[in-house]
Amino acid sequence: MLAPGRLALGAPLGVIDIGSNSVRLVAYEGLSRALTPIFNDKVMAGLGRGVASTGLLPAEGMAQALGAMKRFRALCDSMQLGRVFVLATAAARDARNGPAFLEEASQIIGRPIEQLSGAREAYLSAKGVIAGVHQAKGLVGDLGGGSLELIEIGRGTVGEGVSLKLGGLALQDASERSPKKAVKIVRDALAGLPLLARAANGPFFAVGGTWRALANLHMAQTGYPLHVMHGYEIPAREAIAFCQLIQKGPLEALPAISSVSSSRRPLLAYGALVLEQVLRRTNAATVVISALGVREGLLYEQLSPDEQASDPLLRAAADLNILRSRSPRHGEDLSAWVDAFMRSCDMPESEDDIRLRTAACLLADIGWRAHPDYRGEQSVNIIAHAAFVGIDHPGRAFLALAVCFRHVGLGDADISPRLKQLASEHHLRRARLLAGLMRVAYPISAAMPGILPRVPLLIRGRQIVLTFPKDLAALSSDRIFNRLRQLGKLLARDIAIEIA
């Protein structure tokens, strides 16, 4: 299961997305299953404003967008990006002057621009969610300024999709800023769509800046303990109630409204309206925010089938292990050592349990450069807030807690109660167990490779047995015995140390 880390990613690359509301450049460290953004910038050009009523891109928006393209070309050159993909979505697709605008934009950026059809946009959004959510299955919705794409996904496969002119700017324009008209437009557009009925009781994966802004506001309003957008979940009933609150307004009366940029606020109510109606039509169980969408879906397409099938969490953990650990090979030794211990006991493990503990082993030593008193705290900050994908928030809490317990001990005194809120009892128990194993392993190996494979820790009957070969017998110590005794208490078993 363990995927080797590979940092030879080739040249950095970028994607420019000419959207209906914003024009954005994102540069990535390299093409990888675990993409790492190195630069992100946008201009809120509002290209889709007025397109529904006039059929034309606005002159002011085009001027802003073309100015952004000049700047983005200079940035791409200064970052020495190897490849730059340029995409255009609903606004340029729907406007009569869209082709002329894109021709001028292409000359400025010096690269061809792919005008996405509605079907292609939906497909790439689906691929983005597949790239970022482990074994994602459900309905994807990508809300932009000009359109809403809805498409089904099922554990790596992409199903039926539609593109509807329900983006925030398009809806604002078509409804003449009337909430009642907007509700009717959305209801009529969603009526009779078979894929909505098939989404009942499943997750709804929400993509797009307006819905991320809504989720960010919900996170701030509720005092959520982890400020990471990807994988943030809201129960559908709670999301519907929050959407209704946003539509009632005024937004300025909300205590946490400062968490949303002023450029995003004008479309929040329209985004809330669309989300509410979609959730009512689908009867979805939960809303899951995906930070990955069209751009990441396009890059996911560029990977080989083998790369696409690899685990992005394990790839990211392996890369971080290479960058920050004393010995990357030791992280792999530790993972195999823990594997052998878990096979020797009768504790059931799911596939997700195994991949999470594997990632935790790779991340166990990334805080070693910090002062010993702060290694646990620094590891928590890095792991909990890392740009990981393929993991939900309880999984993040598990990884952070396991490595924190490894440094500060197995008690609760130095553990953040806010982080513990996110972890289930199952995750909390497993984090302590894994940390207990790590606390035995590190004094034996000093984080150096080649030692742990020769010093197995296994359960035999009612005993936990640690076995040293004769040439490594001097590594045994009272410190290791005491930590082994802690592990024994955790598992209610006797302990023994043997010299082979």
Protein backbone atom coordinates (compact mmCIF):
# COMPACT_ATOMS: atom_id res chain seq x y z
CA MET A 1 0.00 0.00 0.00
CA LEU A 2 2.90 2.32 0.68
CA ALA A 3 3.64 4.52 -2.33
CA PRO A 4 7.24 5.75 -2.61
CA GLY A 5 7.69 9.51 -2.39
CA ARG A 6 9.00 11.12 -5.54
CA LEU A 7 10.01 14.74 -5.51
CA ALA A 8 11.38 14.77 -9.06
CA LEU A 9 8.21 16.40 -10.36
CA GLY A 10 9.63 18.03 -13.45
CA ALA A 11 9.11 21.70 -14.21
CA PRO A 12 6.44 23.68 -12.37
CA LEU A 13 3.27 24.24 -14.34
CA GLY A 14 0.18 26.42 -14.20
CA VAL A 15 -3.49 26.71 -15.06
CA ILE A 16 -5.24 29.95 -15.98
CA ASP A 17 -9.00 29.80 -15.56
CA ILE A 18 -11.01 32.53 -17.33
CA GLY A 19 -14.24 32.22 -15.37
CA SER A 20 -17.47 34.17 -15.36
CA ASN A 21 -16.68 35.87 -12.06
CA SER A 22 -12.90 35.63 -11.67
CA VAL A 23 -9.80 35.16 -13.80
CA ARG A 24 -7.30 33.07 -11.86
CA LEU A 25 -3.75 31.76 -12.18
CA VAL A 26 -2.64 28.80 -10.07
CA ALA A 27 0.95 27.53 -10.35
CA TYR A 28 1.89 24.09 -9.05
CA GLU A 29 5.22 22.65 -7.94
CA GLY A 30 4.94 19.98 -10.61
CA LEU A 31 2.59 17.44 -12.11
CA SER A 32 1.81 14.97 -9.35
CA ARG A 33 -0.95 12.90 -7.79
CA ALA A 34 -0.54 15.18 -4.76
CA LEU A 35 -0.53 18.65 -6.32
CA THR A 36 1.19 21.40 -4.34
CA PRO A 37 0.21 24.99 -5.28
CA ILE A 38 3.12 27.42 -5.16
CA PHE A 39 1.26 30.54 -6.32
CA ASN A 40 -2.40 31.55 -6.55
CA ASP A 41 -3.76 34.88 -7.77
CA LYS A 42 -7.06 36.11 -9.15
CA VAL A 43 -8.84 39.18 -10.49
CA MET A 44 -12.59 39.52 -9.96
CA ALA A 45 -13.31 40.68 -13.52
CA GLY A 46 -17.02 39.77 -13.55
CA LEU A 47 -16.99 38.72 -17.20
CA GLY A 48 -20.39 37.07 -16.83
CA ARG A 49 -22.14 40.18 -15.53
CA GLY A 50 -24.94 41.11 -17.93
CA VAL A 51 -24.34 38.25 -20.38
CA ALA A 52 -27.77 36.72 -19.67
CA SER A 53 -29.59 39.95 -20.63
CA THR A 54 -27.28 41.50 -23.26
CA GLY A 55 -25.57 38.46 -24.74
CA LEU A 56 -22.26 40.31 -24.52
CA LEU A 57 -19.24 40.30 -22.25
CA PRO A 58 -19.04 43.70 -20.50
CA ALA A 59 -16.35 46.10 -21.75
CA GLU A 60 -15.06 46.83 -18.23
CA GLY A 61 -14.82 43.14 -17.40
CA MET A 62 -12.95 42.37 -20.61
CA ALA A 63 -10.48 45.17 -19.92
CA GLN A 64 -9.82 43.84 -16.42
CA ALA A 65 -9.46 40.28 -17.68
CA LEU A 66 -7.04 41.24 -20.45
CA GLY A 67 -5.01 43.27 -17.98
CA ALA A 68 -4.86 40.22 -15.73
CA MET A 69 -3.66 38.12 -18.66
CA LYS A 70 -0.74 40.50 -19.25
CA ARG A 71 0.24 40.21 -15.61
CA PHE A 72 -0.22 36.44 -15.58
CA ARG A 73 2.06 36.06 -18.61
CA ALA A 74 4.79 37.98 -16.83
CA LEU A 75 4.31 35.83 -13.72
CA CYS A 76 4.42 32.60 -15.74
CA ASP A 77 7.67 33.75 -17.34
CA SER A 78 9.23 34.75 -14.02
CA MET A 79 8.26 31.43 -12.40
CA GLN A 80 9.59 29.58 -15.48
CA LEU A 81 6.49 27.45 -15.75
CA GLY A 82 7.04 24.55 -18.12
CA ARG A 83 3.42 24.20 -19.26
CA VAL A 84 0.51 26.57 -18.81
CA PHE A 85 -3.04 25.43 -19.57
CA VAL A 86 -5.59 28.16 -20.25
CA LEU A 87 -9.32 27.46 -19.89
CA ALA A 88 -12.43 29.54 -20.48
CA THR A 89 -15.83 28.68 -19.02
CA ALA A 90 -19.45 29.83 -19.23
CA ALA A 91 -19.20 33.60 -19.82
CA ALA A 92 -17.04 33.37 -22.94
CA ARG A 93 -19.03 30.34 -24.07
CA ASP A 94 -22.39 32.14 -23.90
CA ALA A 95 -21.46 35.63 -25.13
CA ARG A 96 -21.55 36.64 -28.81
CA ASN A 97 -18.28 38.52 -28.42
CA GLY A 98 -16.70 35.63 -26.53
CA PRO A 99 -14.68 34.26 -29.48
CA ALA A 100 -13.18 37.67 -30.28
CA PHE A 101 -12.30 38.22 -26.62
CA LEU A 102 -10.62 34.83 -26.36
CA GLU A 103 -8.60 35.44 -29.52
CA GLU A 104 -7.23 38.67 -28.05
CA ALA A 105 -6.61 36.98 -24.68
CA SER A 106 -4.75 34.14 -26.41
CA GLN A 107 -2.45 36.60 -28.19
CA ILE A 108 -1.68 38.31 -24.87
CA ILE A 109 -0.98 35.14 -22.91
CA GLY A 110 0.87 33.57 -25.85
CA ARG A 111 -0.90 30.23 -25.53
CA PRO A 112 -4.02 28.60 -26.94
CA ILE A 113 -7.18 28.80 -24.85
CA GLU A 114 -9.50 25.82 -24.49
CA GLN A 115 -13.13 26.95 -24.52
CA LEU A 116 -14.87 24.39 -22.34
CA SER A 117 -18.31 23.17 -23.32
CA GLY A 118 -20.79 22.70 -20.49
CA ALA A 119 -20.31 18.93 -20.67
CA ARG A 120 -16.51 19.24 -20.61
CA GLU A 121 -16.65 21.64 -17.66
CA ALA A 122 -18.86 19.22 -15.71
CA TYR A 123 -16.53 16.32 -16.54
CA LEU A 124 -13.41 18.17 -15.35
CA SER A 125 -15.16 19.22 -12.13
CA ALA A 126 -16.01 15.57 -11.50
CA LYS A 127 -12.40 14.55 -12.14
CA GLY A 128 -11.22 17.22 -9.72
CA VAL A 129 -13.40 15.80 -6.95
CA ILE A 130 -12.26 12.25 -7.77
CA ALA A 131 -8.65 13.48 -7.52
CA GLY A 132 -9.24 15.05 -4.11
CA VAL A 133 -11.74 12.86 -2.23
CA HIS A 134 -10.88 9.28 -1.32
CA GLN A 135 -13.28 6.87 -3.05
CA ALA A 136 -15.74 9.68 -3.76
CA LYS A 137 -19.23 8.61 -4.74
CA GLY A 138 -22.20 10.96 -5.07
CA LEU A 139 -23.25 14.11 -6.90
CA VAL A 140 -20.85 16.92 -7.79
CA GLY A 141 -22.08 20.49 -8.16
CA ASP A 142 -19.75 23.22 -9.49
CA LEU A 143 -21.23 26.71 -9.15
CA GLY A 144 -19.50 29.48 -11.10
CA GLY A 145 -20.53 32.96 -12.05
CA GLY A 146 -22.24 31.85 -15.26
CA SER A 147 -23.29 28.23 -14.83
CA LEU A 148 -23.95 25.33 -12.51
CA GLU A 149 -22.58 21.94 -13.51
CA LEU A 150 -24.10 18.83 -11.92
CA ILE A 151 -22.56 15.41 -12.52
CA GLU A 152 -22.54 11.99 -10.91
CA ILE A 153 -19.37 10.20 -9.78
CA GLY A 154 -18.84 6.70 -8.43
CA ARG A 155 -15.46 5.60 -7.05
CA GLY A 156 -13.35 6.77 -9.97
CA THR A 157 -16.03 6.77 -12.65
CA VAL A 158 -17.87 9.75 -14.12
CA GLY A 159 -21.55 9.45 -14.97
CA GLU A 160 -24.27 11.69 -16.34
CA GLY A 161 -23.87 15.45 -16.15
CA VAL A 162 -25.69 18.66 -17.06
CA SER A 163 -24.78 22.34 -17.32
CA LEU A 164 -27.39 24.92 -16.26
CA LYS A 165 -27.31 28.71 -16.53
CA LEU A 166 -27.65 29.14 -12.76
CA GLY A 167 -24.31 30.75 -11.90
CA GLY A 168 -24.47 33.64 -9.46
CA LEU A 169 -24.01 36.44 -11.99
CA ALA A 170 -26.30 34.78 -14.55
CA LEU A 171 -29.02 34.27 -11.94
CA GLN A 172 -28.68 37.81 -10.63
CA ASP A 173 -29.08 39.12 -14.17
CA ALA A 174 -31.90 36.81 -15.30
CA SER A 175 -33.96 37.43 -12.14
CA GLU A 176 -33.48 41.20 -12.30
CA ARG A 177 -32.23 40.92 -8.71
CA SER A 178 -35.62 39.62 -7.54
CA PRO A 179 -35.28 36.77 -4.98
CA LYS A 180 -38.74 35.41 -5.88
CA LYS A 181 -37.90 35.31 -9.59
CA ALA A 182 -34.55 33.72 -8.81
CA VAL A 183 -36.18 30.92 -6.80
CA LYS A 184 -38.60 30.19 -9.63
CA ILE A 185 -35.78 30.14 -12.22
CA VAL A 186 -33.78 27.67 -10.15
CA ARG A 187 -36.76 25.42 -9.39
CA ASP A 188 -37.77 25.30 -13.04
CA ALA A 189 -34.23 24.50 -14.15
CA LEU A 190 -33.85 21.67 -11.62
CA ALA A 191 -37.29 20.15 -12.17
CA GLY A 192 -37.29 16.66 -13.62
CA LEU A 193 -33.53 16.04 -13.61
CA PRO A 194 -33.09 12.28 -13.04
CA LEU A 195 -29.58 12.60 -11.58
CA LEU A 196 -30.96 14.65 -8.67
CA ALA A 197 -33.28 11.85 -7.58
CA ARG A 198 -30.42 9.36 -7.75
CA ALA A 199 -28.38 11.43 -5.31
CA ALA A 200 -30.72 10.77 -2.37
CA ASN A 201 -29.05 10.07 0.99
CA GLY A 202 -25.55 10.47 -0.42
CA PRO A 203 -22.97 13.26 -0.21
CA PHE A 204 -23.21 16.38 -2.35
CA PHE A 205 -19.74 17.60 -3.32
CA ALA A 206 -19.76 21.39 -3.60
CA VAL A 207 -17.19 23.08 -5.86
CA GLY A 208 -16.72 26.77 -6.66
CA GLY A 209 -15.70 30.04 -5.02
CA THR A 210 -19.17 31.15 -3.92
CA TRP A 211 -19.91 27.87 -2.17
CA ARG A 212 -16.46 27.90 -0.55
CA ALA A 213 -17.22 31.39 0.72
CA LEU A 214 -20.51 30.14 2.16
CA ALA A 215 -18.72 27.27 3.88
CA ASN A 216 -16.05 29.63 5.18
CA LEU A 217 -18.78 31.81 6.71
CA HIS A 218 -20.49 28.77 8.24
CA MET A 219 -17.15 27.64 9.68
CA ALA A 220 -16.62 31.06 11.28
CA GLN A 221 -20.20 31.35 12.55
CA THR A 222 -20.07 27.96 14.27
CA GLY A 223 -16.55 28.28 15.69
CA TYR A 224 -15.35 25.18 13.86
CA PRO A 225 -11.95 24.11 15.26
CA LEU A 226 -10.06 23.43 12.01
CA HIS A 227 -9.80 26.15 9.39
CA VAL A 228 -9.26 23.86 6.37
CA MET A 229 -11.79 24.13 3.56
CA HIS A 230 -11.18 20.87 1.67
CA GLY A 231 -13.23 18.07 3.18
CA TYR A 232 -15.34 20.36 5.37
CA GLU A 233 -18.73 18.70 5.91
CA ILE A 234 -22.09 20.21 6.82
CA PRO A 235 -25.18 18.05 7.44
CA ALA A 236 -27.71 18.83 4.71
CA ARG A 237 -30.43 20.03 7.11
CA GLU A 238 -27.99 22.38 8.78
CA ALA A 239 -26.78 23.62 5.38
CA ILE A 240 -30.37 24.35 4.27
CA ALA A 241 -31.08 26.32 7.45
CA PHE A 242 -27.86 28.29 6.98
CA CYS A 243 -28.71 29.03 3.33
CA GLN A 244 -32.08 30.39 4.45
CA LEU A 245 -30.34 32.63 6.99
CA ILE A 246 -28.05 34.02 4.28
CA GLN A 247 -30.97 34.74 1.95
CA LYS A 248 -32.87 36.65 4.62
CA GLY A 249 -29.93 38.99 5.22
CA PRO A 250 -28.61 41.50 5.84
CA LEU A 251 -25.18 39.93 5.58
CA GLU A 252 -23.56 42.77 7.50
CA ALA A 253 -25.54 41.71 10.58
CA LEU A 254 -23.76 38.34 10.72
CA PRO A 255 -20.98 38.38 13.34
CA ALA A 256 -18.55 36.43 11.13
CA ILE A 257 -19.19 38.21 7.82
CA SER A 258 -15.64 39.64 7.87
CA SER A 259 -14.44 36.10 7.05
CA VAL A 260 -15.82 36.57 3.51
CA SER A 261 -14.11 39.01 1.14
CA SER A 262 -16.19 41.97 0.02
CA SER A 263 -15.85 40.85 -3.62
CA ARG A 264 -17.61 37.55 -2.82
CA ARG A 265 -20.47 38.93 -0.73
CA PRO A 266 -22.79 40.19 -3.53
CA LEU A 267 -23.31 36.63 -4.83
CA LEU A 268 -23.57 34.82 -1.49
CA ALA A 269 -27.37 34.97 -1.39
CA TYR A 270 -27.62 33.55 -4.93
CA GLY A 271 -25.18 30.78 -4.08
CA ALA A 272 -27.19 30.01 -0.95
CA LEU A 273 -30.43 29.96 -2.94
CA VAL A 274 -29.05 27.48 -5.50
CA LEU A 275 -27.53 25.25 -2.83
CA GLU A 276 -30.77 25.14 -0.85
CA GLN A 277 -32.82 24.16 -3.90
CA VAL A 278 -30.31 21.50 -5.00
CA LEU A 279 -30.26 19.95 -1.52
CA ARG A 280 -34.06 19.93 -1.36
CA ARG A 281 -34.28 18.25 -4.76
CA THR A 282 -31.61 15.67 -4.04
CA ASN A 283 -32.41 14.89 -0.43
CA ALA A 284 -28.66 14.57 0.07
CA ALA A 285 -27.38 13.65 3.52
CA THR A 286 -24.40 15.97 3.70
CA VAL A 287 -22.52 18.72 1.87
CA VAL A 288 -18.79 18.10 1.37
CA ILE A 289 -16.66 21.02 0.23
CA SER A 290 -14.06 20.21 -2.42
CA ALA A 291 -11.21 22.66 -2.95
CA LEU A 292 -10.38 20.78 -6.15
CA GLY A 293 -12.38 21.32 -9.31
CA VAL A 294 -11.88 22.03 -13.02
CA ARG A 295 -8.20 23.04 -12.81
CA GLU A 296 -7.17 20.01 -10.79
CA GLY A 297 -9.39 17.75 -12.89
CA LEU A 298 -7.52 18.89 -16.00
CA LEU A 299 -4.14 18.09 -14.41
CA TYR A 300 -5.43 14.75 -13.13
CA GLU A 301 -6.19 13.94 -16.79
CA GLN A 302 -2.52 14.41 -17.65
CA LEU A 303 -1.40 11.62 -15.29
CA SER A 304 -0.84 8.03 -16.35
CA PRO A 305 -3.47 5.48 -15.26
CA ASP A 306 -1.05 4.14 -12.63
CA GLU A 307 -0.52 7.62 -11.20
CA GLN A 308 -4.25 8.30 -11.16
CA ALA A 309 -4.79 5.09 -9.20
CA SER A 310 -2.19 5.98 -6.55
CA ASP A 311 -3.22 7.38 -3.17
CA PRO A 312 -2.73 11.17 -2.96
CA LEU A 313 -2.57 11.15 0.85
CA LEU A 314 0.22 8.58 0.94
CA ARG A 315 2.05 10.37 -1.87
CA ALA A 316 1.89 13.70 0.00
CA ALA A 317 2.96 12.06 3.28
CA ALA A 318 5.88 10.33 1.55
CA ASP A 319 6.98 13.63 -0.01
CA LEU A 320 6.82 15.42 3.35
CA ASN A 321 8.77 12.54 4.89
CA ILE A 322 11.53 13.09 2.32
CA LEU A 323 11.58 16.84 2.90
CA ARG A 324 11.47 16.99 6.70
CA SER A 325 12.40 13.71 8.39
CA ARG A 326 15.84 12.74 9.67
CA SER A 327 15.74 9.59 7.55
CA PRO A 328 12.96 9.02 5.00
CA ARG A 329 13.77 5.30 4.95
CA HIS A 330 13.09 5.11 8.67
CA GLY A 331 9.50 6.23 8.06
CA GLU A 332 9.08 3.27 5.72
CA ASP A 333 10.74 0.94 8.25
CA LEU A 334 8.37 2.21 10.93
CA SER A 335 5.34 1.60 8.73
CA ALA A 336 6.41 -2.00 8.03
CA TRP A 337 7.25 -2.57 11.73
CA VAL A 338 3.78 -1.37 12.76
CA ASP A 339 2.22 -3.50 9.99
CA ALA A 340 3.82 -6.61 11.47
CA PHE A 341 2.63 -5.74 14.98
CA MET A 342 -0.95 -5.15 13.81
CA ARG A 343 -0.97 -8.47 11.95
CA SER A 344 0.05 -10.23 15.16
CA CYS A 345 -2.91 -8.94 17.16
CA ASP A 346 -6.62 -9.48 16.77
CA MET A 347 -7.59 -5.84 16.27
CA PRO A 348 -9.76 -5.41 13.14
CA GLU A 349 -8.70 -2.69 10.68
CA SER A 350 -10.48 -1.17 7.72
CA GLU A 351 -8.70 -0.13 4.54
CA ASP A 352 -8.96 3.47 5.70
CA ASP A 353 -7.50 2.61 9.12
CA ILE A 354 -4.46 1.09 7.39
CA ARG A 355 -3.86 3.99 4.99
CA LEU A 356 -4.18 6.54 7.81
CA ARG A 357 -1.69 4.80 10.10
CA THR A 358 0.67 4.37 7.13
CA ALA A 359 0.52 8.12 6.50
CA ALA A 360 1.05 8.81 10.22
CA CYS A 361 4.21 6.67 10.23
CA LEU A 362 5.60 8.66 7.30
CA LEU A 363 4.82 11.92 9.12
CA ALA A 364 6.02 10.84 12.56
CA ASP A 365 9.40 12.61 12.45
CA ILE A 366 8.64 15.81 10.54
CA GLY A 367 8.83 18.00 13.68
CA TRP A 368 12.29 16.88 14.83
CA ARG A 369 14.01 20.22 14.09
CA ALA A 370 11.79 22.05 16.60
CA HIS A 371 12.73 22.46 20.26
CA PRO A 372 11.80 19.22 22.09
CA ASP A 373 9.13 21.02 24.12
CA TYR A 374 7.35 22.12 20.94
CA ARG A 375 7.76 19.16 18.59
CA GLY A 376 4.24 17.92 19.28
CA GLU A 377 2.71 21.35 18.78
CA GLN A 378 4.65 22.02 15.59
CA SER A 379 3.77 18.61 14.17
CA VAL A 380 0.07 19.25 14.86
CA ASN A 381 0.21 22.61 13.10
CA ILE A 382 1.91 21.17 10.02
CA ILE A 383 -0.24 18.05 9.72
CA ALA A 384 -3.65 19.50 10.61
CA HIS A 385 -3.26 22.40 8.17
CA ALA A 386 -1.28 20.72 5.37
CA ALA A 387 -2.58 20.89 1.80
CA PHE A 388 -3.49 17.20 1.93
CA VAL A 389 -6.26 15.72 -0.17
CA GLY A 390 -7.77 12.26 -0.03
CA ILE A 391 -8.55 12.73 3.67
CA ASP A 392 -11.49 14.05 5.68
CA HIS A 393 -11.27 16.19 8.82
CA PRO A 394 -11.53 13.31 11.34
CA GLY A 395 -8.69 11.67 9.44
CA ARG A 396 -6.61 14.84 9.73
CA ALA A 397 -7.29 14.87 13.46
CA PHE A 398 -6.11 11.26 13.73
CA LEU A 399 -2.82 12.00 11.94
CA ALA A 400 -2.13 15.09 14.04
CA LEU A 401 -3.07 13.43 17.34
CA ALA A 402 -1.00 10.28 16.67
CA VAL A 403 2.16 12.30 16.02
CA CYS A 404 1.40 14.67 18.90
CA PHE A 405 0.91 11.78 21.37
CA ARG A 406 4.21 10.38 20.11
CA HIS A 407 6.00 13.53 21.33
CA VAL A 408 4.06 14.57 24.45
CA GLY A 409 2.94 11.21 25.86
CA LEU A 410 -0.28 9.24 25.80
CA GLY A 411 -2.27 11.39 28.24
CA ASP A 412 -4.59 14.31 27.50
CA ALA A 413 -2.80 17.13 29.35
CA ASP A 414 -1.02 18.62 26.33
CA ILE A 415 -3.58 17.76 23.65
CA SER A 416 -5.74 20.45 22.06
CA PRO A 417 -9.38 19.89 23.07
CA ARG A 418 -10.46 21.60 19.84
CA LEU A 419 -8.58 19.03 17.78
CA LYS A 420 -10.05 16.18 19.82
CA GLN A 421 -13.53 17.46 18.92
CA LEU A 422 -12.93 16.31 15.34
CA ALA A 423 -11.75 12.81 16.17
CA SER A 424 -14.14 9.94 16.81
CA GLU A 425 -13.53 7.64 19.77
CA HIS A 426 -12.28 5.08 17.25
CA HIS A 427 -9.71 7.52 15.87
CA LEU A 428 -8.68 8.63 19.36
CA ARG A 429 -8.03 5.05 20.54
CA ARG A 430 -6.08 4.22 17.41
CA ALA A 431 -4.03 7.45 17.64
CA ARG A 432 -2.95 6.50 21.19
CA LEU A 433 -2.09 2.95 20.14
CA LEU A 434 -0.02 4.09 17.16
CA ALA A 435 1.73 6.71 19.29
CA GLY A 436 2.48 4.06 21.91
CA LEU A 437 4.18 1.97 19.21
CA MET A 438 6.12 4.98 17.94
CA ARG A 439 7.29 5.80 21.49
CA VAL A 440 8.85 2.32 21.67
CA ALA A 441 10.32 2.46 18.16
CA TYR A 442 12.18 5.77 18.25
CA PRO A 443 14.43 5.14 21.31
CA ILE A 444 15.43 1.82 19.70
CA SER A 445 16.25 3.19 16.25
CA ALA A 446 17.18 6.84 16.91
CA ALA A 447 15.21 7.49 13.70
CA MET A 448 17.87 5.67 11.68
CA PRO A 449 17.01 3.11 8.98
CA GLY A 450 17.77 -0.60 9.10
CA ILE A 451 17.25 -1.10 12.86
CA LEU A 452 13.53 -1.71 13.30
CA PRO A 453 13.36 -4.59 10.78
CA ARG A 454 15.78 -6.46 13.06
CA VAL A 455 13.92 -5.71 16.32
CA PRO A 456 10.38 -7.06 15.90
CA LEU A 457 7.55 -6.20 18.28
CA LEU A 458 4.80 -8.82 18.20
CA ILE A 459 1.94 -10.14 20.29
CA ARG A 460 2.27 -13.73 21.39
CA GLY A 461 -0.71 -14.99 23.32
CA ARG A 462 -1.20 -12.60 26.24
CA GLN A 463 2.23 -10.98 25.89
CA ILE A 464 3.71 -8.13 23.89
CA VAL A 465 7.23 -9.31 23.07
CA LEU A 466 10.09 -7.09 21.91
CA THR A 467 13.00 -9.13 20.51
CA PHE A 468 16.58 -7.85 20.08
CA PRO A 469 19.21 -9.78 18.13
CA LYS A 470 22.38 -10.40 20.13
CA ASP A 471 24.40 -7.76 18.29
CA LEU A 472 21.80 -5.09 19.12
CA ALA A 473 21.14 -6.19 22.72
CA ALA A 474 22.87 -3.06 24.03
CA LEU A 475 20.02 -0.95 22.62
CA SER A 476 17.67 -2.29 25.28
CA SER A 477 17.19 0.15 28.17
CA ASP A 478 14.96 1.09 31.10
CA ARG A 479 13.43 3.85 28.95
CA ILE A 480 12.35 1.35 26.34
CA PHE A 481 11.04 -1.01 29.03
CA ASN A 482 8.95 1.77 30.58
CA ARG A 483 7.48 2.73 27.22
CA LEU A 484 6.74 -0.89 26.46
CA ARG A 485 4.97 -1.11 29.82
CA GLN A 486 2.81 1.90 28.83
CA LEU A 487 1.87 0.08 25.64
CA GLY A 488 1.04 -3.02 27.66
CA LYS A 489 -1.32 -1.04 29.88
CA LEU A 490 -2.98 0.43 26.82
CA LEU A 491 -3.69 -3.05 25.43
CA ALA A 492 -4.15 -4.80 28.82
CA ARG A 493 -1.34 -7.27 28.11
CA ASP A 494 1.88 -8.39 29.77
CA ILE A 495 5.22 -7.42 28.25
CA ALA A 496 8.53 -9.12 27.69
CA ILE A 497 11.91 -8.22 26.21
CA GLU A 498 13.92 -11.06 24.68
CA ILE A 499 17.44 -11.37 23.31
CA ALA A 500 17.43 -13.72 20.34
